[in-house]
Amino acid sequence: MEDIDRAIARLAEAKILEAIENGAFEDLPGRGKPLAVEDLSLVAEDLRVGYILLKNAGYLPEELELHKEIASLERLMDCCARDEEKKYLRSKLLTKTLRYGILMERRKRRQGPPFSFIT
């Protein structure tokens, strides 16, 4: 099996070098700019690949969407000066927090938390 793996690695390396020599990578978007590194420390290590695939496809589990929305609402409340707006945001935050709690409780009963920050 190792021989096949090495052969594939050599073939891939040769193709990459050939593409570099032919200038195939010269006009790529973002050339010369740093890569955007996403912090995945909150996602369990064994689920990171799946998380990235789903995220790039435009889908995140409802729990993660809610977690992001809750964090966003909390930041908005911190910046908010008007009582009416705070009341509205607090109401939305409560609704999202309750829904999140329900989803997490269901997940615990079924299989346990898939993401390290969800307990």
Protein backbone atom coordinates (compact mmCIF):
# COMPACT_ATOMS: atom_id res chain seq x y z
CA MET A 1 0.00 0.00 0.00
CA GLU A 2 2.86 2.38 0.79
CA ASP A 3 4.25 1.96 -2.73
CA ILE A 4 0.94 3.09 -4.20
CA ASP A 5 0.79 6.05 -1.82
CA ARG A 6 4.34 7.07 -2.72
CA ALA A 7 3.62 6.71 -6.44
CA ILE A 8 0.53 8.89 -6.13
CA ALA A 9 2.47 11.48 -4.13
CA ARG A 10 5.25 11.55 -6.75
CA LEU A 11 2.71 11.87 -9.57
CA ALA A 12 0.92 14.69 -7.78
CA GLU A 13 4.22 16.47 -7.11
CA ALA A 14 5.23 16.14 -10.77
CA LYS A 15 1.88 17.55 -11.92
CA ILE A 16 2.17 20.48 -9.51
CA LEU A 17 5.72 21.28 -10.68
CA GLU A 18 4.60 21.06 -14.31
CA ALA A 19 1.71 23.44 -13.61
CA ILE A 20 4.08 25.88 -11.87
CA GLU A 21 6.46 25.80 -14.85
CA ASN A 22 3.54 26.44 -17.22
CA GLY A 23 2.35 29.40 -15.13
CA ALA A 24 -0.97 27.80 -14.22
CA PHE A 25 -0.94 29.44 -10.79
CA GLU A 26 0.00 32.95 -11.92
CA ASP A 27 -3.50 34.45 -12.29
CA LEU A 28 -5.22 32.95 -9.27
CA PRO A 29 -7.42 35.29 -7.23
CA GLY A 30 -5.80 36.33 -3.98
CA ARG A 31 -2.28 35.81 -5.30
CA GLY A 32 0.23 37.41 -2.97
CA LYS A 33 -2.32 37.91 -0.21
CA PRO A 34 -2.29 36.03 3.09
CA LEU A 35 -4.66 33.11 3.45
CA ALA A 36 -7.66 33.62 5.69
CA VAL A 37 -7.17 31.19 8.54
CA GLU A 38 -10.37 30.23 10.30
CA ASP A 39 -10.33 29.49 14.02
CA LEU A 40 -11.73 25.98 14.35
CA SER A 41 -10.73 25.53 17.97
CA LEU A 42 -14.40 25.33 18.99
CA VAL A 43 -15.09 22.44 16.60
CA ALA A 44 -14.09 18.94 17.68
CA GLU A 45 -10.98 17.86 15.79
CA ASP A 46 -12.59 14.80 14.20
CA LEU A 47 -15.47 16.93 12.84
CA ARG A 48 -13.47 19.81 11.34
CA VAL A 49 -13.28 18.46 7.79
CA GLY A 50 -17.03 17.87 7.71
CA TYR A 51 -17.66 21.28 9.24
CA ILE A 52 -15.54 23.01 6.58
CA LEU A 53 -17.23 21.09 3.76
CA LEU A 54 -20.70 21.97 5.04
CA LYS A 55 -19.74 25.59 5.66
CA ASN A 56 -18.27 25.98 2.17
CA ALA A 57 -21.45 24.49 0.73
CA GLY A 58 -23.45 27.16 2.55
CA TYR A 59 -24.87 24.94 5.26
CA LEU A 60 -24.23 24.98 8.97
CA PRO A 61 -26.16 22.97 11.55
CA GLU A 62 -28.92 24.95 13.23
CA GLU A 63 -27.00 24.86 16.51
CA LEU A 64 -24.03 26.67 14.99
CA GLU A 65 -26.22 29.21 13.21
CA LEU A 66 -28.01 29.92 16.48
CA HIS A 67 -24.72 30.18 18.35
CA LYS A 68 -23.50 32.78 15.83
CA GLU A 69 -26.79 34.70 16.01
CA ILE A 70 -26.73 34.71 19.82
CA ALA A 71 -23.18 36.08 19.85
CA SER A 72 -24.18 38.73 17.32
CA LEU A 73 -27.24 39.77 19.34
CA GLU A 74 -25.12 40.02 22.49
CA ARG A 75 -22.67 42.31 20.70
CA LEU A 76 -25.54 44.44 19.38
CA MET A 77 -26.99 44.77 22.87
CA ASP A 78 -23.63 45.94 24.20
CA CYS A 79 -23.56 48.71 21.59
CA CYS A 80 -27.21 49.65 21.86
CA ALA A 81 -28.11 52.90 23.61
CA ARG A 82 -31.89 53.04 23.19
CA ASP A 83 -34.06 51.12 25.65
CA GLU A 84 -36.62 50.18 22.96
CA GLU A 85 -33.96 48.57 20.83
CA LYS A 86 -32.43 46.78 23.81
CA LYS A 87 -35.83 45.40 24.75
CA TYR A 88 -36.38 44.14 21.20
CA LEU A 89 -32.88 42.62 21.04
CA ARG A 90 -33.31 41.03 24.49
CA SER A 91 -36.54 39.41 23.29
CA LYS A 92 -34.84 38.01 20.18
CA LEU A 93 -31.88 36.86 22.28
CA LEU A 94 -34.16 35.04 24.71
CA THR A 95 -35.98 33.28 21.85
CA LYS A 96 -32.71 32.20 20.21
CA THR A 97 -31.21 31.12 23.54
CA LEU A 98 -34.25 28.99 24.38
CA ARG A 99 -34.20 27.34 20.95
CA TYR A 100 -30.48 26.70 21.30
CA GLY A 101 -31.00 25.14 24.74
CA ILE A 102 -33.70 22.84 23.39
CA LEU A 103 -31.50 21.71 20.50
CA MET A 104 -28.57 21.05 22.82
CA GLU A 105 -30.72 19.06 25.22
CA ARG A 106 -31.98 16.90 22.34
CA ARG A 107 -28.44 16.38 21.11
CA LYS A 108 -27.24 15.30 24.56
CA ARG A 109 -29.99 12.72 24.76
CA ARG A 110 -29.25 11.34 21.29
CA GLN A 111 -25.50 11.24 20.95
CA GLY A 112 -23.60 13.81 22.92
CA PRO A 113 -22.16 17.12 21.76
CA PRO A 114 -20.44 17.20 18.35
CA PHE A 115 -18.69 20.51 18.99
CA SER A 116 -16.46 21.14 21.95
CA PHE A 117 -18.13 24.44 22.88
CA ILE A 118 -21.57 22.85 23.02
CA THR A 119 -22.03 21.29 26.43
